[in-house]
């Protein structure tokens, strides 16, 4: 049995369009190494080699639990777990453009 990884739309170009991929490993770090062997480049979008941890702009959940509170890349995973990748979303406008008087 493997771990299911839910991939957001923005990263599906790395998985050939797959919404869910499977991998193996006993930690999140090991899972990402395994996944990257099948889908090259995906790990680099999630893990910062310079900082040695997850990129700040990506949120990862193991069975709906935020990995930041589970040990980050050292978080333990088991067969049958579900890992969800959620990119951080930001933006918007705090000032609306002026409109013509009616």
N, C-alpha and C. Protein backbone atom coordinates (compact mmCIF):
# COMPACT_ATOMS: atom_id res chain seq x y z
N UNK A 1 0.85 -1.18 0.00
CA UNK A 1 0.00 0.00 0.00
C UNK A 1 0.89 1.24 0.00
N UNK A 2 0.39 2.31 -0.51
CA UNK A 2 1.18 3.53 -0.66
C UNK A 2 0.47 4.71 -0.01
N UNK A 3 1.12 5.84 -0.10
CA UNK A 3 0.56 7.11 0.38
C UNK A 3 0.02 7.86 -0.83
N UNK A 4 -1.19 8.36 -0.72
CA UNK A 4 -1.77 9.17 -1.79
C UNK A 4 -1.37 10.63 -1.58
N UNK A 5 -0.97 11.27 -2.67
CA UNK A 5 -0.60 12.69 -2.63
C UNK A 5 -1.55 13.44 -3.55
N UNK A 6 -2.30 14.37 -2.99
CA UNK A 6 -3.22 15.20 -3.77
C UNK A 6 -2.45 16.40 -4.30
N UNK A 7 -2.49 16.56 -5.61
CA UNK A 7 -1.68 17.57 -6.29
C UNK A 7 -2.59 18.71 -6.77
N UNK A 8 -2.27 19.96 -6.42
CA UNK A 8 -3.09 21.08 -6.87
C UNK A 8 -2.91 21.33 -8.37
N UNK A 9 -3.87 21.97 -8.95
CA UNK A 9 -3.86 22.24 -10.39
C UNK A 9 -2.56 22.89 -10.86
N UNK A 10 -2.04 23.83 -10.10
CA UNK A 10 -0.85 24.57 -10.51
C UNK A 10 0.38 23.67 -10.65
N UNK A 11 0.40 22.52 -9.99
CA UNK A 11 1.55 21.61 -10.05
C UNK A 11 1.30 20.36 -10.89
N UNK A 12 0.14 20.26 -11.48
CA UNK A 12 -0.19 19.05 -12.25
C UNK A 12 0.60 18.91 -13.54
N UNK A 13 1.25 19.98 -13.97
CA UNK A 13 2.11 19.86 -15.16
C UNK A 13 3.28 18.92 -14.86
N UNK A 14 3.64 18.77 -13.60
CA UNK A 14 4.71 17.85 -13.21
C UNK A 14 4.24 16.41 -13.12
N UNK A 15 2.93 16.21 -12.99
CA UNK A 15 2.39 14.85 -12.81
C UNK A 15 1.62 14.37 -14.04
N UNK A 16 1.81 15.02 -15.16
CA UNK A 16 1.09 14.63 -16.36
C UNK A 16 -0.40 14.86 -16.26
N UNK A 17 -0.79 15.81 -15.41
CA UNK A 17 -2.20 16.14 -15.24
C UNK A 17 -2.90 15.36 -14.15
N UNK A 18 -2.21 14.44 -13.50
CA UNK A 18 -2.84 13.63 -12.45
C UNK A 18 -3.16 14.46 -11.21
N UNK A 19 -4.38 14.29 -10.70
CA UNK A 19 -4.80 14.97 -9.48
C UNK A 19 -4.24 14.30 -8.24
N UNK A 20 -4.06 12.98 -8.33
CA UNK A 20 -3.56 12.19 -7.21
C UNK A 20 -2.46 11.28 -7.71
N UNK A 21 -1.34 11.26 -6.99
CA UNK A 21 -0.25 10.34 -7.31
C UNK A 21 0.06 9.55 -6.04
N UNK A 22 0.76 8.44 -6.21
CA UNK A 22 1.11 7.61 -5.06
C UNK A 22 2.61 7.50 -4.91
N UNK A 23 3.04 7.39 -3.67
CA UNK A 23 4.45 7.22 -3.38
C UNK A 23 4.62 6.46 -2.09
N UNK A 24 5.88 6.17 -1.77
CA UNK A 24 6.19 5.44 -0.54
C UNK A 24 7.27 6.19 0.24
N UNK A 25 7.32 5.92 1.52
CA UNK A 25 8.32 6.52 2.40
C UNK A 25 7.80 6.53 3.82
N UNK A 26 8.72 6.58 4.78
CA UNK A 26 8.29 6.60 6.17
C UNK A 26 8.26 8.02 6.75
N UNK A 27 8.80 8.97 6.00
CA UNK A 27 8.72 10.39 6.37
C UNK A 27 8.28 11.19 5.15
N UNK A 28 7.88 12.41 5.39
CA UNK A 28 7.48 13.27 4.28
C UNK A 28 8.65 13.49 3.33
N UNK A 29 9.86 13.66 3.88
CA UNK A 29 11.06 13.84 3.04
C UNK A 29 11.27 12.65 2.13
N UNK A 30 11.16 11.44 2.68
CA UNK A 30 11.35 10.22 1.88
C UNK A 30 10.26 10.09 0.81
N UNK A 31 9.04 10.46 1.16
CA UNK A 31 7.95 10.43 0.19
C UNK A 31 8.23 11.36 -0.97
N UNK A 32 8.68 12.58 -0.68
CA UNK A 32 8.96 13.54 -1.75
C UNK A 32 10.11 13.09 -2.64
N UNK A 33 11.09 12.41 -2.08
CA UNK A 33 12.18 11.87 -2.90
C UNK A 33 11.64 10.79 -3.82
N UNK A 34 10.78 9.92 -3.29
CA UNK A 34 10.18 8.87 -4.12
C UNK A 34 9.31 9.46 -5.22
N UNK A 35 8.47 10.41 -4.87
CA UNK A 35 7.58 11.05 -5.85
C UNK A 35 8.40 11.72 -6.94
N UNK A 36 9.51 12.38 -6.55
CA UNK A 36 10.34 13.08 -7.53
C UNK A 36 11.01 12.11 -8.49
N UNK A 37 11.22 10.87 -8.08
CA UNK A 37 11.82 9.89 -8.99
C UNK A 37 10.85 9.51 -10.11
N UNK A 38 9.56 9.67 -9.86
CA UNK A 38 8.54 9.39 -10.88
C UNK A 38 8.08 10.65 -11.60
N UNK A 39 8.14 11.77 -10.89
CA UNK A 39 7.67 13.05 -11.43
C UNK A 39 8.74 14.11 -11.18
N UNK A 40 9.81 14.09 -11.99
CA UNK A 40 10.95 15.00 -11.77
C UNK A 40 10.53 16.47 -11.73
N UNK A 41 11.10 17.17 -10.77
CA UNK A 41 10.85 18.60 -10.63
C UNK A 41 9.81 18.95 -9.59
N UNK A 42 8.94 18.00 -9.26
CA UNK A 42 7.88 18.30 -8.29
C UNK A 42 8.45 18.62 -6.91
N UNK A 43 9.41 17.84 -6.46
CA UNK A 43 10.01 18.06 -5.14
C UNK A 43 10.60 19.47 -5.04
N UNK A 44 11.24 19.93 -6.09
CA UNK A 44 11.85 21.26 -6.08
C UNK A 44 10.84 22.38 -5.92
N UNK A 45 9.60 22.13 -6.28
CA UNK A 45 8.54 23.13 -6.12
C UNK A 45 8.02 23.15 -4.68
N UNK A 46 8.39 22.12 -3.89
CA UNK A 46 7.88 22.00 -2.53
C UNK A 46 8.95 22.23 -1.47
N UNK A 47 10.19 21.81 -1.78
CA UNK A 47 11.27 21.82 -0.80
C UNK A 47 12.35 22.81 -1.22
N UNK A 48 12.79 23.61 -0.27
CA UNK A 48 13.87 24.56 -0.50
C UNK A 48 15.18 23.92 -0.09
N UNK A 49 16.04 23.63 -1.04
CA UNK A 49 17.34 23.02 -0.73
C UNK A 49 18.20 23.98 0.09
N UNK A 50 18.10 25.27 -0.17
CA UNK A 50 18.89 26.27 0.55
C UNK A 50 18.50 26.33 2.03
N UNK A 51 17.20 26.35 2.29
CA UNK A 51 16.72 26.48 3.67
C UNK A 51 16.59 25.13 4.36
N UNK A 52 16.58 24.05 3.59
CA UNK A 52 16.47 22.73 4.17
C UNK A 52 15.09 22.39 4.70
N UNK A 53 14.08 23.04 4.18
CA UNK A 53 12.71 22.78 4.61
C UNK A 53 11.73 23.06 3.49
N UNK A 54 10.48 23.08 3.84
CA UNK A 54 9.44 23.36 2.86
C UNK A 54 9.47 24.84 2.47
N UNK A 55 9.12 25.10 1.22
CA UNK A 55 8.96 26.49 0.79
C UNK A 55 7.86 27.13 1.63
N UNK A 56 8.01 28.42 1.91
CA UNK A 56 7.02 29.14 2.73
C UNK A 56 5.68 29.25 2.03
N UNK A 57 5.68 29.25 0.71
CA UNK A 57 4.44 29.49 -0.03
C UNK A 57 3.65 28.22 -0.33
N UNK A 58 4.01 27.13 0.31
CA UNK A 58 3.26 25.89 0.10
C UNK A 58 2.88 25.32 1.46
N UNK A 59 1.66 24.84 1.55
CA UNK A 59 1.17 24.21 2.78
C UNK A 59 0.96 22.73 2.50
N UNK A 60 1.44 21.89 3.40
CA UNK A 60 1.32 20.45 3.25
C UNK A 60 0.56 19.90 4.45
N UNK A 61 -0.36 18.98 4.17
CA UNK A 61 -1.16 18.36 5.22
C UNK A 61 -1.06 16.85 5.11
N UNK A 62 -0.91 16.19 6.24
CA UNK A 62 -0.98 14.73 6.30
C UNK A 62 -2.28 14.41 7.02
N UNK A 63 -3.19 13.77 6.31
CA UNK A 63 -4.51 13.46 6.88
C UNK A 63 -5.14 14.69 7.53
N UNK A 64 -5.09 15.81 6.82
CA UNK A 64 -5.69 17.08 7.25
C UNK A 64 -4.97 17.75 8.42
N UNK A 65 -3.78 17.27 8.80
CA UNK A 65 -2.99 17.90 9.86
C UNK A 65 -1.82 18.64 9.23
N UNK A 66 -1.64 19.89 9.59
CA UNK A 66 -0.56 20.72 9.04
C UNK A 66 0.80 20.16 9.45
N UNK A 67 1.67 19.88 8.47
CA UNK A 67 2.96 19.26 8.78
C UNK A 67 3.87 20.18 9.59
N UNK A 68 3.60 21.47 9.61
CA UNK A 68 4.41 22.38 10.43
C UNK A 68 4.32 22.00 11.91
N UNK A 69 3.22 21.35 12.29
CA UNK A 69 3.02 20.94 13.68
C UNK A 69 3.31 19.46 13.87
N UNK A 70 3.76 18.80 12.81
CA UNK A 70 4.06 17.36 12.87
C UNK A 70 5.53 17.05 12.65
N UNK A 71 6.35 18.09 12.51
CA UNK A 71 7.78 17.87 12.32
C UNK A 71 8.30 18.24 10.95
N UNK A 72 7.49 18.90 10.14
CA UNK A 72 7.95 19.32 8.80
C UNK A 72 8.31 18.13 7.94
N UNK A 73 9.47 18.19 7.30
CA UNK A 73 9.89 17.10 6.41
C UNK A 73 10.17 15.81 7.17
N UNK A 74 10.37 15.89 8.48
CA UNK A 74 10.60 14.70 9.30
C UNK A 74 9.30 14.06 9.78
N UNK A 75 8.16 14.64 9.41
CA UNK A 75 6.87 14.09 9.83
C UNK A 75 6.73 12.65 9.36
N UNK A 76 6.26 11.80 10.25
CA UNK A 76 6.08 10.38 9.93
C UNK A 76 4.82 10.18 9.10
N UNK A 77 4.92 9.28 8.13
CA UNK A 77 3.75 8.91 7.34
C UNK A 77 3.65 7.39 7.32
N UNK A 78 2.45 6.90 7.06
CA UNK A 78 2.19 5.47 7.03
C UNK A 78 1.39 5.12 5.79
N UNK A 79 1.45 3.84 5.42
CA UNK A 79 0.64 3.37 4.30
C UNK A 79 -0.81 3.75 4.53
N UNK A 80 -1.44 4.23 3.47
CA UNK A 80 -2.84 4.62 3.55
C UNK A 80 -3.07 6.08 3.91
N UNK A 81 -2.01 6.79 4.31
CA UNK A 81 -2.15 8.22 4.62
C UNK A 81 -2.43 9.00 3.34
N UNK A 82 -2.98 10.19 3.51
CA UNK A 82 -3.20 11.11 2.40
C UNK A 82 -2.44 12.40 2.68
N UNK A 83 -1.61 12.79 1.72
CA UNK A 83 -0.86 14.04 1.80
C UNK A 83 -1.49 15.01 0.81
N UNK A 84 -1.83 16.18 1.30
CA UNK A 84 -2.45 17.21 0.46
C UNK A 84 -1.49 18.39 0.33
N UNK A 85 -1.27 18.81 -0.90
CA UNK A 85 -0.42 19.97 -1.19
C UNK A 85 -1.34 21.14 -1.52
N UNK A 86 -1.18 22.24 -0.80
CA UNK A 86 -1.97 23.44 -1.06
C UNK A 86 -1.03 24.63 -1.21
N UNK A 87 -1.01 25.23 -2.39
CA UNK A 87 -0.19 26.43 -2.54
C UNK A 87 -0.85 27.59 -1.80
N UNK A 88 -0.03 28.45 -1.22
CA UNK A 88 -0.55 29.64 -0.56
C UNK A 88 -1.13 30.56 -1.62
N UNK A 89 -2.21 31.23 -1.27
CA UNK A 89 -2.87 32.14 -2.20
C UNK A 89 -2.82 33.54 -1.59
N UNK A 90 -2.40 34.49 -2.39
CA UNK A 90 -2.34 35.87 -1.93
C UNK A 90 -2.71 36.78 -3.08
N UNK A 91 -2.96 38.00 -2.77
CA UNK A 91 -3.24 38.96 -3.83
C UNK A 91 -4.48 39.76 -3.51
N UNK A 92 -4.94 40.42 -4.50
CA UNK A 92 -6.11 41.25 -4.32
C UNK A 92 -5.75 42.72 -4.38
N UNK A 93 -6.72 43.51 -4.15
CA UNK A 93 -6.53 44.95 -4.23
C UNK A 93 -7.29 45.58 -3.07
N UNK A 94 -6.62 46.44 -2.32
CA UNK A 94 -7.31 47.06 -1.20
C UNK A 94 -7.92 48.41 -1.56
N UNK A 95 -7.66 48.90 -2.75
CA UNK A 95 -8.25 50.16 -3.21
C UNK A 95 -8.89 49.92 -4.56
N UNK A 96 -10.15 50.21 -4.65
CA UNK A 96 -10.87 50.04 -5.91
C UNK A 96 -10.58 51.23 -6.82
N UNK A 97 -10.45 50.99 -8.11
CA UNK A 97 -10.23 52.11 -9.04
C UNK A 97 -11.45 53.02 -9.08
N UNK A 98 -11.20 54.29 -9.34
CA UNK A 98 -12.29 55.26 -9.44
C UNK A 98 -13.18 54.92 -10.62
N UNK A 99 -14.46 55.14 -10.45
CA UNK A 99 -15.40 54.91 -11.54
C UNK A 99 -15.99 56.25 -11.97
N UNK A 100 -16.51 56.28 -13.15
CA UNK A 100 -17.11 57.52 -13.68
C UNK A 100 -18.38 57.85 -12.90
N UNK A 101 -18.61 59.15 -12.69
CA UNK A 101 -19.85 59.58 -12.04
C UNK A 101 -21.01 59.29 -12.96
N UNK A 102 -22.08 58.88 -12.36
CA UNK A 102 -23.28 58.58 -13.15
C UNK A 102 -24.29 59.68 -12.96
